[in-house]
Each structure stands twice: as C-alpha cells, then as structure tokens.
Amino acid sequence: MRATPLLILKSLPFLLFMASSAEAASLPAQSWFNQQGYVGPSGSRIIACHGYGCVRRMAISVDGAWLSRAKETLRANQGSPDAERQALAEVIRSYTAYLATSLGGRPDTPGSPPQMSGVYGQMDCLDETANTTSVLLVLQEQGLLTHHAVLYPESRGFFLDGRYPHFTAVIAEKRTGTAWAVDPWKKAPGQRPDILPLTRWRQDS
C-alpha cells in the first residue's frame, strides 16, 4: 500500500515535463502513452491500467459484442456534436462497466482514495485517463467519431495553486476546435462520465 506522498511524487515528473498545455495539445494523443511509459491501444486491444499510476496492467479486447453496441449507439447519434457527446457518455459508461467485469475483484472506488493505492482493480486519474483515451482512440480508428477528434490528455492543479494534480482524456469538436474533458474519475463503473468543456474542467477543484 503506498502512502500519499509517494503518489504526489509520482505525478511531479510528468507535470514538470510539460512545458505548457498549449504545447501538449499539439501532440498526438498516442504519444502520451509513450511519455508516461504506458502502452497505447493497438487495433481493438487495450492495455488497461489499474492499481494507481498504471502499476497494474491487463490486456483486454473491446471487439465483439461490446464494440458492436458502441457502433450502434454512435452511428445512431451522428446528427450533431452534442448528440455524439451524449452517445459517447453512454459508450464510456458501458466501457467502465465492461472494464470492471474484465478486471474482476472489487469494483473501482470513485475518486481514488489513497488507501486503495496498489489494490487490484482500483484506478486513480492517471489510470482513468489512460483507459478512457485508449477506448476513444479505438473508436476513432474505427471511424466512429464523426464530430470529434481525440486529443492529448490534459492536467490541472500543481499543489502551489492549492489543488491536487488531476488528469483527463480530451476530445475536440472538429468544426469549432472546442475541447471537452471526458472524465469518469468521480464516477463508479457503469455510471456516465463527466463530459464538460475543458475550460470549465480546468477551473474545478
């Protein structure tokens, strides 16, 4: 079981590595995995992160029945960016439930309480960001995102501003460039994630 100070130290190198959010946003989403030392998706294969900071990993496949349902949901909601985001919320909801079932053990506790660090199946915001970005990239590769593109993950908070560092997956509207956070961190598996404008997400604590 890790102590909270170790979790804090674990986050600092990546935060210091990023020169600015603008520079990060210009990088391909896939490059984030390499920089973190994680493994990005390949085809329909995802290396799911858990245990906090991706210290535990398990390969899962999102093809078959799950991907078929995701395709139906997204293709039925291609009319507008808002409709697609609503569909994505449902797809991510079902994905987190599928991920919890695939991992087994105790379902993830929302908000990553420090005492759950290292515990099988438990996820902090880095795990959630990796897993969510992975499935978004799979959906994008499948041609299922009509109105959005997957961006490099974002972070907020740096201790000095009184906020703990927090990360999220990000999508952007293709037409307007408006960025949206896709963040299931506060939600239990099977609940709809927060999908909100990135500017608003950055202001939250």
Protein backbone atom coordinates (compact mmCIF):
# COMPACT_ATOMS: atom_id res chain seq x y z
CA MET A 1 0.00 0.00 0.00
CA ARG A 2 1.52 3.33 -1.00
CA ALA A 3 1.48 6.45 1.09
CA THR A 4 0.01 9.67 -0.33
CA PRO A 5 3.43 11.46 -0.58
CA LEU A 6 4.61 8.77 -2.98
CA LEU A 7 1.57 9.35 -5.18
CA ILE A 8 2.36 13.07 -5.22
CA LEU A 9 5.98 12.46 -6.19
CA LYS A 10 4.87 10.08 -8.91
CA SER A 11 2.86 12.84 -10.60
CA LEU A 12 5.52 15.55 -10.48
CA PRO A 13 7.89 14.34 -13.25
CA PHE A 14 5.14 14.38 -15.86
CA LEU A 15 3.87 17.78 -14.76
CA LEU A 16 7.36 19.23 -14.91
CA PHE A 17 7.93 17.62 -18.31
CA MET A 18 5.01 19.52 -19.87
CA ALA A 19 6.14 22.99 -20.91
CA SER A 20 2.57 24.21 -21.35
CA SER A 21 -0.95 22.99 -22.04
CA ALA A 22 -0.79 24.55 -25.49
CA GLU A 23 2.30 22.56 -26.39
CA ALA A 24 0.76 19.36 -25.05
CA ALA A 25 -2.43 19.88 -27.03
CA SER A 26 -0.42 19.92 -30.25
CA LEU A 27 0.91 16.40 -29.62
CA PRO A 28 -0.85 13.25 -30.86
CA ALA A 29 -2.85 11.52 -28.15
CA GLN A 30 -0.94 8.28 -28.74
CA SER A 31 2.35 9.96 -27.76
CA TRP A 32 1.05 10.46 -24.20
CA PHE A 33 1.28 6.72 -23.57
CA ASN A 34 4.93 6.58 -24.62
CA GLN A 35 5.80 9.58 -22.45
CA GLN A 36 4.10 8.03 -19.44
CA GLY A 37 5.69 4.63 -20.00
CA TYR A 38 2.27 3.11 -20.69
CA VAL A 39 1.09 1.05 -23.67
CA GLY A 40 -1.41 2.58 -26.08
CA PRO A 41 -4.16 0.67 -27.85
CA SER A 42 -3.49 -1.49 -30.89
CA GLY A 43 -6.47 -2.43 -33.01
CA SER A 44 -9.17 -3.39 -30.52
CA ARG A 45 -6.61 -4.42 -27.88
CA ILE A 46 -6.25 -2.16 -24.83
CA ILE A 47 -3.72 -2.49 -22.03
CA ALA A 48 -5.96 -1.48 -19.14
CA CYS A 49 -4.30 0.40 -16.29
CA HIS A 50 -5.19 -0.03 -12.62
CA GLY A 51 -3.55 -0.01 -9.20
CA TYR A 52 -2.84 3.77 -9.44
CA GLY A 53 -0.27 5.14 -11.85
CA CYS A 54 -0.73 2.09 -14.09
CA VAL A 55 1.33 -0.11 -11.77
CA ARG A 56 -1.00 -2.98 -12.70
CA ARG A 57 -1.91 -3.76 -16.30
CA MET A 58 -4.12 -6.23 -18.12
CA ALA A 59 -4.74 -6.72 -21.82
CA ILE A 60 -8.41 -6.64 -22.79
CA SER A 61 -10.22 -6.66 -26.13
CA VAL A 62 -13.14 -4.38 -26.90
CA ASP A 63 -14.18 -6.11 -30.12
CA GLY A 64 -17.18 -8.41 -30.43
CA ALA A 65 -20.46 -7.62 -28.70
CA TRP A 66 -19.25 -4.54 -26.83
CA LEU A 67 -17.87 -2.85 -29.94
CA SER A 68 -21.00 -3.75 -31.92
CA ARG A 69 -23.18 -1.99 -29.33
CA ALA A 70 -20.84 1.03 -29.31
CA LYS A 71 -21.09 1.26 -33.10
CA GLU A 72 -24.88 1.16 -32.98
CA THR A 73 -25.01 3.87 -30.32
CA LEU A 74 -22.61 6.23 -32.06
CA ARG A 75 -24.00 5.72 -35.57
CA ALA A 76 -27.50 6.47 -34.30
CA ASN A 77 -26.32 9.81 -32.87
CA GLN A 78 -24.28 11.40 -35.66
CA GLY A 79 -26.68 14.32 -36.16
CA SER A 80 -24.75 16.88 -34.11
CA PRO A 81 -21.69 17.25 -31.85
CA ASP A 82 -23.94 17.40 -28.80
CA ALA A 83 -25.72 14.18 -29.78
CA GLU A 84 -22.38 12.49 -30.32
CA ARG A 85 -21.14 13.57 -26.89
CA GLN A 86 -24.29 12.18 -25.31
CA ALA A 87 -23.68 8.92 -27.15
CA LEU A 88 -20.05 8.91 -26.05
CA ALA A 89 -21.15 9.29 -22.43
CA GLU A 90 -23.23 6.14 -22.84
CA VAL A 91 -20.40 4.29 -24.57
CA ILE A 92 -17.89 5.22 -21.86
CA ARG A 93 -20.45 4.25 -19.21
CA SER A 94 -20.73 0.77 -20.68
CA TYR A 95 -16.97 0.60 -21.17
CA THR A 96 -16.21 1.25 -17.49
CA ALA A 97 -18.70 -1.47 -16.55
CA TYR A 98 -17.10 -3.85 -19.08
CA LEU A 99 -13.63 -2.97 -17.77
CA ALA A 100 -14.66 -3.65 -14.15
CA THR A 101 -16.08 -7.04 -15.15
CA SER A 102 -12.94 -7.88 -17.14
CA LEU A 103 -10.63 -6.99 -14.25
CA GLY A 104 -12.71 -8.74 -11.62
CA GLY A 105 -12.28 -8.16 -7.91
CA ARG A 106 -13.72 -5.22 -6.02
CA PRO A 107 -15.20 -2.55 -8.36
CA ASP A 108 -13.21 0.67 -8.57
CA THR A 109 -13.92 3.21 -5.82
CA PRO A 110 -14.56 6.69 -7.31
CA GLY A 111 -12.09 9.47 -6.51
CA SER A 112 -9.06 7.19 -5.86
CA PRO A 113 -8.86 7.24 -2.04
CA PRO A 114 -5.17 6.98 -1.03
CA GLN A 115 -5.68 3.77 0.97
CA MET A 116 -6.68 1.97 -2.24
CA SER A 117 -3.33 2.63 -3.94
CA GLY A 118 -1.89 -0.57 -5.39
CA VAL A 119 -5.13 -2.50 -4.89
CA TYR A 120 -6.16 -4.69 -7.82
CA GLY A 121 -8.90 -3.08 -9.92
CA GLN A 122 -8.67 0.36 -8.29
CA MET A 123 -7.93 3.35 -10.53
CA ASP A 124 -6.59 6.83 -9.97
CA CYS A 125 -7.00 9.64 -12.50
CA LEU A 126 -3.94 8.52 -14.48
CA ASP A 127 -5.41 5.03 -14.87
CA GLU A 128 -8.79 6.50 -15.82
CA THR A 129 -7.18 8.86 -18.33
CA ALA A 130 -5.19 6.06 -19.94
CA ASN A 131 -8.17 3.72 -20.16
CA THR A 132 -10.55 6.36 -21.47
CA THR A 133 -8.08 7.73 -24.02
CA SER A 134 -7.40 4.17 -25.17
CA VAL A 135 -11.04 3.41 -25.93
CA LEU A 136 -11.56 6.82 -27.55
CA LEU A 137 -8.62 6.09 -29.87
CA VAL A 138 -10.12 2.68 -30.72
CA LEU A 139 -13.43 4.36 -31.58
CA GLN A 140 -11.63 6.98 -33.66
CA GLU A 141 -9.65 4.32 -35.52
CA GLN A 142 -12.94 2.53 -36.26
CA GLY A 143 -14.25 5.72 -37.89
CA LEU A 144 -16.99 6.11 -35.29
CA LEU A 145 -16.26 9.70 -34.23
CA THR A 146 -17.99 11.95 -36.76
CA HIS A 147 -17.79 15.29 -34.96
CA HIS A 148 -14.83 14.87 -32.60
CA ALA A 149 -11.12 14.06 -32.56
CA VAL A 150 -9.14 12.59 -29.65
CA LEU A 151 -6.57 14.98 -28.19
CA TYR A 152 -3.57 14.68 -25.89
CA PRO A 153 -4.75 14.33 -22.25
CA GLU A 154 -4.79 17.44 -20.07
CA SER A 155 -3.98 18.15 -16.44
CA ARG A 156 -4.91 20.70 -13.81
CA GLY A 157 -3.56 21.53 -10.36
CA PHE A 158 0.05 21.80 -9.23
CA PHE A 159 -0.06 21.92 -5.41
CA LEU A 160 1.07 25.56 -5.35
CA ASP A 161 -2.39 26.60 -6.52
CA GLY A 162 -3.96 24.57 -3.70
CA ARG A 163 -5.15 21.79 -5.98
CA TYR A 164 -4.01 18.20 -6.27
CA PRO A 165 -2.85 17.27 -9.82
CA HIS A 166 -5.63 15.71 -11.86
CA PHE A 167 -5.72 14.36 -15.43
CA THR A 168 -8.41 13.72 -18.01
CA ALA A 169 -8.96 12.38 -21.51
CA VAL A 170 -9.86 15.09 -24.04
CA ILE A 171 -11.82 15.32 -27.29
CA ALA A 172 -12.32 18.34 -29.53
CA GLU A 173 -15.11 19.31 -31.90
CA LYS A 174 -13.72 19.11 -35.41
CA ARG A 175 -15.67 22.13 -36.67
CA THR A 176 -15.10 24.59 -33.82
CA GLY A 177 -11.99 23.20 -32.12
CA THR A 178 -13.73 23.40 -28.74
CA ALA A 179 -12.10 20.94 -26.32
CA TRP A 180 -14.11 18.73 -23.96
CA ALA A 181 -12.93 16.73 -20.95
CA VAL A 182 -14.09 13.12 -20.79
CA ASP A 183 -13.59 12.25 -17.14
CA PRO A 184 -15.05 9.18 -15.35
CA TRP A 185 -12.80 9.59 -12.28
CA LYS A 186 -15.57 10.68 -9.88
CA LYS A 187 -17.96 8.00 -11.08
CA ALA A 188 -18.34 4.33 -10.23
CA PRO A 189 -18.03 1.74 -13.01
CA GLY A 190 -21.20 1.77 -15.12
CA GLN A 191 -22.03 5.42 -14.40
CA ARG A 192 -21.92 8.11 -17.07
CA PRO A 193 -18.67 10.11 -17.05
CA ASP A 194 -18.38 13.86 -16.80
CA ILE A 195 -18.16 15.34 -20.29
CA LEU A 196 -17.80 19.08 -19.97
CA PRO A 197 -15.94 21.96 -21.66
CA LEU A 198 -12.23 21.70 -20.90
CA THR A 199 -12.14 25.34 -19.80
CA ARG A 200 -14.74 24.56 -17.11
CA TRP A 201 -12.97 21.31 -16.12
CA ARG A 202 -9.73 23.24 -15.57
CA GLN A 203 -11.49 25.53 -13.10
CA ASP A 204 -12.87 22.71 -10.97
CA SER A 205 -11.03 21.53 -7.89
